[in-house]
Amino acid sequence: MVCDGRTVYGALPTGYAHCDVDRSRVTRAFDPDPTGVDGDAAITADIDSHRVLIEDRSGSAISRTLLTLDQPPATR
């Protein structure tokens, strides 16, 4: 997943992601394709909500992992 010229998930050249950027800061990224399509799981990263959902499919089985991100440290 490449967002604003930076790789944030996976390995190049696979994957494609839609990214929302606010003043050069990634706020959300979305790669809808599972491993069977592009070699890595689907992912939705919502940085503002501090959540990342990783989802994959194998036949009729679906696996989901929800990560909660720590708040970034306060800037001075």
PDB file of N, CA and C in Angstrom:
ATOM      1  N   MET A   1       0.853  -1.148   0.000  1.00  0.00           N
ATOM      2  CA  MET A   1       0.000   0.000   0.000  1.00  0.00           C
ATOM      3  C   MET A   1       0.909   1.223   0.000  1.00  0.00           C
ATOM      4  N   VAL A   2       0.769   2.015  -0.998  1.00  0.00           N
ATOM      5  CA  VAL A   2       1.581   3.222  -1.118  1.00  0.00           C
ATOM      6  C   VAL A   2       0.660   4.409  -0.964  1.00  0.00           C
ATOM      7  N   CYS A   3       1.026   5.297  -0.088  1.00  0.00           N
ATOM      8  CA  CYS A   3       0.201   6.455   0.198  1.00  0.00           C
ATOM      9  C   CYS A   3       1.068   7.698   0.190  1.00  0.00           C
ATOM     10  N   ASP A   4       0.752   8.617  -0.686  1.00  0.00           N
ATOM     11  CA  ASP A   4       1.510   9.858  -0.798  1.00  0.00           C
ATOM     12  C   ASP A   4       3.001   9.589  -0.996  1.00  0.00           C
ATOM     13  N   GLY A   5       3.289   8.550  -1.813  1.00  0.00           N
ATOM     14  CA  GLY A   5       4.676   8.233  -2.123  1.00  0.00           C
ATOM     15  C   GLY A   5       5.405   7.408  -1.079  1.00  0.00           C
ATOM     16  N   ARG A   6       4.717   7.010  -0.006  1.00  0.00           N
ATOM     17  CA  ARG A   6       5.341   6.219   1.065  1.00  0.00           C
ATOM     18  C   ARG A   6       4.678   4.858   1.154  1.00  0.00           C
ATOM     19  N   THR A   7       5.475   3.800   1.331  1.00  0.00           N
ATOM     20  CA  THR A   7       4.922   2.468   1.519  1.00  0.00           C
ATOM     21  C   THR A   7       4.484   2.334   2.969  1.00  0.00           C
ATOM     22  N   VAL A   8       3.183   2.066   3.179  1.00  0.00           N
ATOM     23  CA  VAL A   8       2.667   1.937   4.542  1.00  0.00           C
ATOM     24  C   VAL A   8       2.219   0.511   4.855  1.00  0.00           C
ATOM     25  N   TYR A   9       2.146  -0.374   3.834  1.00  0.00           N
ATOM     26  CA  TYR A   9       1.753  -1.759   4.066  1.00  0.00           C
ATOM     27  C   TYR A   9       2.133  -2.576   2.847  1.00  0.00           C
ATOM     28  N   GLY A  10       2.610  -3.798   3.059  1.00  0.00           N
ATOM     29  CA  GLY A  10       2.922  -4.694   1.962  1.00  0.00           C
ATOM     30  C   GLY A  10       4.272  -4.393   1.340  1.00  0.00           C
ATOM     31  N   ALA A  11       4.528  -5.070   0.254  1.00  0.00           N
ATOM     32  CA  ALA A  11       5.792  -4.896  -0.456  1.00  0.00           C
ATOM     33  C   ALA A  11       5.505  -4.508  -1.895  1.00  0.00           C
ATOM     34  N   LEU A  12       6.277  -3.606  -2.409  1.00  0.00           N
ATOM     35  CA  LEU A  12       6.091  -3.179  -3.796  1.00  0.00           C
ATOM     36  C   LEU A  12       6.463  -4.318  -4.721  1.00  0.00           C
ATOM     37  N   PRO A  13       5.899  -4.492  -5.873  1.00  0.00           N
ATOM     38  CA  PRO A  13       4.947  -3.607  -6.525  1.00  0.00           C
ATOM     39  C   PRO A  13       3.493  -4.028  -6.344  1.00  0.00           C
ATOM     40  N   THR A  14       3.159  -4.890  -5.386  1.00  0.00           N
ATOM     41  CA  THR A  14       1.780  -5.354  -5.250  1.00  0.00           C
ATOM     42  C   THR A  14       0.920  -4.322  -4.549  1.00  0.00           C
ATOM     43  N   GLY A  15      -0.375  -4.497  -4.716  1.00  0.00           N
ATOM     44  CA  GLY A  15      -1.351  -3.711  -3.972  1.00  0.00           C
ATOM     45  C   GLY A  15      -1.609  -2.337  -4.548  1.00  0.00           C
ATOM     46  N   TYR A  16      -2.767  -1.841  -4.189  1.00  0.00           N
ATOM     47  CA  TYR A  16      -3.170  -0.491  -4.539  1.00  0.00           C
ATOM     48  C   TYR A  16      -4.038  -0.015  -3.397  1.00  0.00           C
ATOM     49  N   ALA A  17      -3.929   1.210  -3.029  1.00  0.00           N
ATOM     50  CA  ALA A  17      -4.742   1.729  -1.939  1.00  0.00           C
ATOM     51  C   ALA A  17      -5.280   3.095  -2.290  1.00  0.00           C
ATOM     52  N   HIS A  18      -6.501   3.314  -1.834  1.00  0.00           N
ATOM     53  CA  HIS A  18      -7.039   4.666  -1.858  1.00  0.00           C
ATOM     54  C   HIS A  18      -6.587   5.302  -0.549  1.00  0.00           C
ATOM     55  N   CYS A  19      -6.097   6.507  -0.605  1.00  0.00           N
ATOM     56  CA  CYS A  19      -5.637   7.194   0.599  1.00  0.00           C
ATOM     57  C   CYS A  19      -6.283   8.559   0.709  1.00  0.00           C
ATOM     58  N   ASP A  20      -6.667   8.905   1.919  1.00  0.00           N
ATOM     59  CA  ASP A  20      -7.102  10.266   2.216  1.00  0.00           C
ATOM     60  C   ASP A  20      -5.942  10.954   2.904  1.00  0.00           C
ATOM     61  N   VAL A  21      -5.587  12.127   2.420  1.00  0.00           N
ATOM     62  CA  VAL A  21      -4.455  12.870   2.944  1.00  0.00           C
ATOM     63  C   VAL A  21      -4.928  14.261   3.337  1.00  0.00           C
ATOM     64  N   ASP A  22      -4.514  14.709   4.506  1.00  0.00           N
ATOM     65  CA  ASP A  22      -4.828  16.046   4.981  1.00  0.00           C
ATOM     66  C   ASP A  22      -3.518  16.758   5.290  1.00  0.00           C
ATOM     67  N   ARG A  23      -3.182  17.751   4.488  1.00  0.00           N
ATOM     68  CA  ARG A  23      -1.940  18.502   4.668  1.00  0.00           C
ATOM     69  C   ARG A  23      -0.730  17.584   4.791  1.00  0.00           C
ATOM     70  N   SER A  24      -0.578  16.681   3.861  1.00  0.00           N
ATOM     71  CA  SER A  24       0.516  15.706   3.746  1.00  0.00           C
ATOM     72  C   SER A  24       0.520  14.639   4.843  1.00  0.00           C
ATOM     73  N   ARG A  25      -0.537  14.552   5.636  1.00  0.00           N
ATOM     74  CA  ARG A  25      -0.661  13.504   6.651  1.00  0.00           C
ATOM     75  C   ARG A  25      -1.737  12.520   6.220  1.00  0.00           C
ATOM     76  N   VAL A  26      -1.382  11.246   6.180  1.00  0.00           N
ATOM     77  CA  VAL A  26      -2.345  10.213   5.814  1.00  0.00           C
ATOM     78  C   VAL A  26      -3.360  10.076   6.940  1.00  0.00           C
ATOM     79  N   THR A  27      -4.652  10.146   6.595  1.00  0.00           N
ATOM     80  CA  THR A  27      -5.703   9.996   7.598  1.00  0.00           C
ATOM     81  C   THR A  27      -6.446   8.668   7.458  1.00  0.00           C
ATOM     82  N   ARG A  28      -6.469   8.114   6.242  1.00  0.00           N
ATOM     83  CA  ARG A  28      -7.159   6.849   6.006  1.00  0.00           C
ATOM     84  C   ARG A  28      -6.563   6.203   4.758  1.00  0.00           C
ATOM     85  N   ALA A  29      -6.409   4.883   4.791  1.00  0.00           N
ATOM     86  CA  ALA A  29      -5.937   4.135   3.631  1.00  0.00           C
ATOM     87  C   ALA A  29      -6.752   2.851   3.520  1.00  0.00           C
ATOM     88  N   PHE A  30      -7.015   2.436   2.289  1.00  0.00           N
ATOM     89  CA  PHE A  30      -7.886   1.287   2.068  1.00  0.00           C
ATOM     90  C   PHE A  30      -7.367   0.457   0.899  1.00  0.00           C
ATOM     91  N   ASP A  31      -7.059  -0.818   1.162  1.00  0.00           N
ATOM     92  CA  ASP A  31      -6.680  -1.789   0.132  1.00  0.00           C
ATOM     93  C   ASP A  31      -7.722  -2.899   0.195  1.00  0.00           C
ATOM     94  N   PRO A  32      -8.663  -2.947  -0.753  1.00  0.00           N
ATOM     95  CA  PRO A  32      -9.791  -3.876  -0.647  1.00  0.00           C
ATOM     96  C   PRO A  32      -9.504  -5.314  -1.066  1.00  0.00           C
ATOM     97  N   ASP A  33      -8.348  -5.581  -1.676  1.00  0.00           N
ATOM     98  CA  ASP A  33      -8.119  -6.899  -2.260  1.00  0.00           C
ATOM     99  C   ASP A  33      -7.468  -7.877  -1.286  1.00  0.00           C
ATOM    100  N   PRO A  34      -8.039  -9.091  -1.158  1.00  0.00           N
ATOM    101  CA  PRO A  34      -7.464 -10.107  -0.283  1.00  0.00           C
ATOM    102  C   PRO A  34      -6.241 -10.767  -0.922  1.00  0.00           C
ATOM    103  N   THR A  35      -5.601 -11.649  -0.172  1.00  0.00           N
ATOM    104  CA  THR A  35      -4.377 -12.321  -0.610  1.00  0.00           C
ATOM    105  C   THR A  35      -4.531 -13.002  -1.966  1.00  0.00           C
ATOM    106  N   GLY A  36      -5.664 -13.636  -2.207  1.00  0.00           N
ATOM    107  CA  GLY A  36      -5.873 -14.339  -3.464  1.00  0.00           C
ATOM    108  C   GLY A  36      -5.814 -13.433  -4.683  1.00  0.00           C
ATOM    109  N   VAL A  37      -6.007 -12.145  -4.503  1.00  0.00           N
ATOM    110  CA  VAL A  37      -5.999 -11.201  -5.622  1.00  0.00           C
ATOM    111  C   VAL A  37      -4.625 -10.566  -5.815  1.00  0.00           C
ATOM    112  N   ASP A  38      -4.020 -10.082  -4.717  1.00  0.00           N
ATOM    113  CA  ASP A  38      -2.773  -9.312  -4.888  1.00  0.00           C
ATOM    114  C   ASP A  38      -1.619  -9.751  -3.981  1.00  0.00           C
ATOM    115  N   GLY A  39      -1.781 -10.850  -3.254  1.00  0.00           N
ATOM    116  CA  GLY A  39      -0.666 -11.370  -2.472  1.00  0.00           C
ATOM    117  C   GLY A  39      -0.591 -10.873  -1.043  1.00  0.00           C
ATOM    118  N   ASP A  40      -1.490  -9.962  -0.646  1.00  0.00           N
ATOM    119  CA  ASP A  40      -1.543  -9.536   0.760  1.00  0.00           C
ATOM    120  C   ASP A  40      -2.999  -9.296   1.151  1.00  0.00           C
ATOM    121  N   ALA A  41      -3.249  -9.300   2.432  1.00  0.00           N
ATOM    122  CA  ALA A  41      -4.616  -9.167   2.943  1.00  0.00           C
ATOM    123  C   ALA A  41      -5.194  -7.782   2.659  1.00  0.00           C
ATOM    124  N   ALA A  42      -6.521  -7.702   2.690  1.00  0.00           N
ATOM    125  CA  ALA A  42      -7.199  -6.408   2.588  1.00  0.00           C
ATOM    126  C   ALA A  42      -6.970  -5.658   3.898  1.00  0.00           C
ATOM    127  N   ILE A  43      -6.890  -4.345   3.805  1.00  0.00           N
ATOM    128  CA  ILE A  43      -6.632  -3.563   5.009  1.00  0.00           C
ATOM    129  C   ILE A  43      -7.350  -2.220   4.921  1.00  0.00           C
ATOM    130  N   THR A  44      -7.890  -1.799   6.042  1.00  0.00           N
ATOM    131  CA  THR A  44      -8.448  -0.458   6.173  1.00  0.00           C
ATOM    132  C   THR A  44      -7.770   0.176   7.376  1.00  0.00           C
ATOM    133  N   ALA A  45      -7.025   1.228   7.134  1.00  0.00           N
ATOM    134  CA  ALA A  45      -6.330   1.938   8.205  1.00  0.00           C
ATOM    135  C   ALA A  45      -7.003   3.296   8.375  1.00  0.00           C
ATOM    136  N   ASP A  46      -7.638   3.494   9.521  1.00  0.00           N
ATOM    137  CA  ASP A  46      -8.278   4.773   9.843  1.00  0.00           C
ATOM    138  C   ASP A  46      -7.438   5.414  10.939  1.00  0.00           C
ATOM    139  N   ILE A  47      -6.506   6.227  10.536  1.00  0.00           N
ATOM    140  CA  ILE A  47      -5.535   6.800  11.462  1.00  0.00           C
ATOM    141  C   ILE A  47      -6.211   7.725  12.470  1.00  0.00           C
ATOM    142  N   ASP A  48      -7.173   8.517  12.018  1.00  0.00           N
ATOM    143  CA  ASP A  48      -7.846   9.444  12.932  1.00  0.00           C
ATOM    144  C   ASP A  48      -8.631   8.711  14.025  1.00  0.00           C
ATOM    145  N   SER A  49      -9.153   7.535  13.703  1.00  0.00           N
ATOM    146  CA  SER A  49      -9.890   6.734  14.699  1.00  0.00           C
ATOM    147  C   SER A  49      -8.984   5.760  15.435  1.00  0.00           C
ATOM    148  N   HIS A  50      -7.705   5.716  15.066  1.00  0.00           N
ATOM    149  CA  HIS A  50      -6.712   4.846  15.707  1.00  0.00           C
ATOM    150  C   HIS A  50      -7.070   3.369  15.575  1.00  0.00           C
ATOM    151  N   ARG A  51      -7.569   2.979  14.370  1.00  0.00           N
ATOM    152  CA  ARG A  51      -7.958   1.590  14.141  1.00  0.00           C
ATOM    153  C   ARG A  51      -7.457   1.098  12.788  1.00  0.00           C
ATOM    154  N   VAL A  52      -7.074  -0.166  12.751  1.00  0.00           N
ATOM    155  CA  VAL A  52      -6.679  -0.828  11.512  1.00  0.00           C
ATOM    156  C   VAL A  52      -7.411  -2.166  11.466  1.00  0.00           C
ATOM    157  N   LEU A  53      -8.135  -2.412  10.384  1.00  0.00           N
ATOM    158  CA  LEU A  53      -8.822  -3.685  10.182  1.00  0.00           C
ATOM    159  C   LEU A  53      -8.107  -4.436   9.069  1.00  0.00           C
ATOM    160  N   ILE A  54      -7.666  -5.658   9.381  1.00  0.00           N
ATOM    161  CA  ILE A  54      -7.026  -6.533   8.396  1.00  0.00           C
ATOM    162  C   ILE A  54      -7.976  -7.694   8.166  1.00  0.00           C
ATOM    163  N   GLU A  55      -8.292  -7.942   6.907  1.00  0.00           N
ATOM    164  CA  GLU A  55      -9.267  -8.979   6.573  1.00  0.00           C
ATOM    165  C   GLU A  55      -8.738  -9.817   5.423  1.00  0.00           C
ATOM    166  N   ASP A  56      -8.974 -11.136   5.498  1.00  0.00           N
ATOM    167  CA  ASP A  56      -8.559 -12.014   4.407  1.00  0.00           C
ATOM    168  C   ASP A  56      -9.587 -13.124   4.234  1.00  0.00           C
ATOM    169  N   ARG A  57      -9.581 -13.728   3.058  1.00  0.00           N
ATOM    170  CA  ARG A  57     -10.517 -14.799   2.733  1.00  0.00           C
ATOM    171  C   ARG A  57      -9.769 -15.984   2.157  1.00  0.00           C
ATOM    172  N   SER A  58     -10.237 -17.173   2.538  1.00  0.00           N
ATOM    173  CA  SER A  58      -9.739 -18.409   1.952  1.00  0.00           C
ATOM    174  C   SER A  58     -10.956 -19.293   1.737  1.00  0.00           C
ATOM    175  N   GLY A  59     -11.406 -19.402   0.506  1.00  0.00           N
ATOM    176  CA  GLY A  59     -12.656 -20.110   0.235  1.00  0.00           C
ATOM    177  C   GLY A  59     -13.804 -19.369   0.888  1.00  0.00           C
ATOM    178  N   SER A  60     -14.568 -20.059   1.725  1.00  0.00           N
ATOM    179  CA  SER A  60     -15.678 -19.404   2.409  1.00  0.00           C
ATOM    180  C   SER A  60     -15.282 -18.879   3.793  1.00  0.00           C
ATOM    181  N   ALA A  61     -14.051 -19.159   4.215  1.00  0.00           N
ATOM    182  CA  ALA A  61     -13.589 -18.698   5.535  1.00  0.00           C
ATOM    183  C   ALA A  61     -13.088 -17.251   5.449  1.00  0.00           C
ATOM    184  N   ILE A  62     -13.490 -16.463   6.425  1.00  0.00           N
ATOM    185  CA  ILE A  62     -13.056 -15.067   6.509  1.00  0.00           C
ATOM    186  C   ILE A  62     -12.372 -14.860   7.851  1.00  0.00           C
ATOM    187  N   SER A  63     -11.200 -14.253   7.829  1.00  0.00           N
ATOM    188  CA  SER A  63     -10.530 -13.916   9.088  1.00  0.00           C
ATOM    189  C   SER A  63     -10.406 -12.395   9.162  1.00  0.00           C
ATOM    190  N   ARG A  64     -10.629 -11.885  10.373  1.00  0.00           N
ATOM    191  CA  ARG A  64     -10.535 -10.448  10.601  1.00  0.00           C
ATOM    192  C   ARG A  64      -9.723 -10.190  11.863  1.00  0.00           C
ATOM    193  N   THR A  65      -8.877  -9.181  11.779  1.00  0.00           N
ATOM    194  CA  THR A  65      -8.107  -8.743  12.932  1.00  0.00           C
ATOM    195  C   THR A  65      -8.268  -7.236  13.035  1.00  0.00           C
ATOM    196  N   LEU A  66      -8.697  -6.780  14.200  1.00  0.00           N
ATOM    197  CA  LEU A  66      -8.862  -5.351  14.439  1.00  0.00           C
ATOM    198  C   LEU A  66      -7.769  -4.894  15.395  1.00  0.00           C
ATOM    199  N   LEU A  67      -6.987  -3.931  14.967  1.00  0.00           N
ATOM    200  CA  LEU A  67      -5.917  -3.372  15.786  1.00  0.00           C
ATOM    201  C   LEU A  67      -6.326  -1.988  16.264  1.00  0.00           C
ATOM    202  N   THR A  68      -6.002  -1.691  17.499  1.00  0.00           N
ATOM    203  CA  THR A  68      -6.204  -0.353  18.040  1.00  0.00           C
ATOM    204  C   THR A  68      -4.838   0.286  18.192  1.00  0.00           C
ATOM    205  N   LEU A  69      -4.666   1.429  17.574  1.00  0.00           N
ATOM    206  CA  LEU A  69      -3.382   2.115  17.599  1.00  0.00           C
ATOM    207  C   LEU A  69      -3.281   3.037  18.800  1.00  0.00           C
ATOM    208  N   ASP A  70      -2.094   3.115  19.366  1.00  0.00           N
ATOM    209  CA  ASP A  70      -1.848   4.069  20.454  1.00  0.00           C
ATOM    210  C   ASP A  70      -1.978   5.486  19.925  1.00  0.00           C
ATOM    211  N   GLN A  71      -2.316   6.387  20.817  1.00  0.00           N
ATOM    212  CA  GLN A  71      -2.325   7.804  20.465  1.00  0.00           C
ATOM    213  C   GLN A  71      -0.885   8.222  20.205  1.00  0.00           C
ATOM    214  N   PRO A  72      -0.661   9.021  19.166  1.00  0.00           N
ATOM    215  CA  PRO A  72       0.706   9.498  18.946  1.00  0.00           C
ATOM    216  C   PRO A  72       1.129  10.431  20.074  1.00  0.00           C
ATOM    217  N   PRO A  73       2.409  10.508  20.343  1.00  0.00           N
ATOM    218  CA  PRO A  73       2.869  11.405  21.403  1.00  0.00           C
ATOM    219  C   PRO A  73       2.560  12.875  21.049  1.00  0.00           C
ATOM    220  N   ALA A  74       2.299  13.660  22.050  1.00  0.00           N
ATOM    221  CA  ALA A  74       2.013  15.080  21.831  1.00  0.00           C
ATOM    222  C   ALA A  74       3.250  15.767  21.274  1.00  0.00           C
ATOM    223  N   THR A  75       3.026  16.660  20.333  1.00  0.00           N
ATOM    224  CA  THR A  75       4.153  17.420  19.776  1.00  0.00           C
ATOM    225  C   THR A  75       4.345  18.694  20.591  1.00  0.00           C
ATOM    226  N   ARG A  76       5.558  19.092  20.663  1.00  0.00           N
ATOM    227  CA  ARG A  76       5.858  20.286  21.462  1.00  0.00           C
ATOM    228  C   ARG A  76       5.825  21.525  20.628  1.00  0.00           C
TER     229      ARG A  76
END
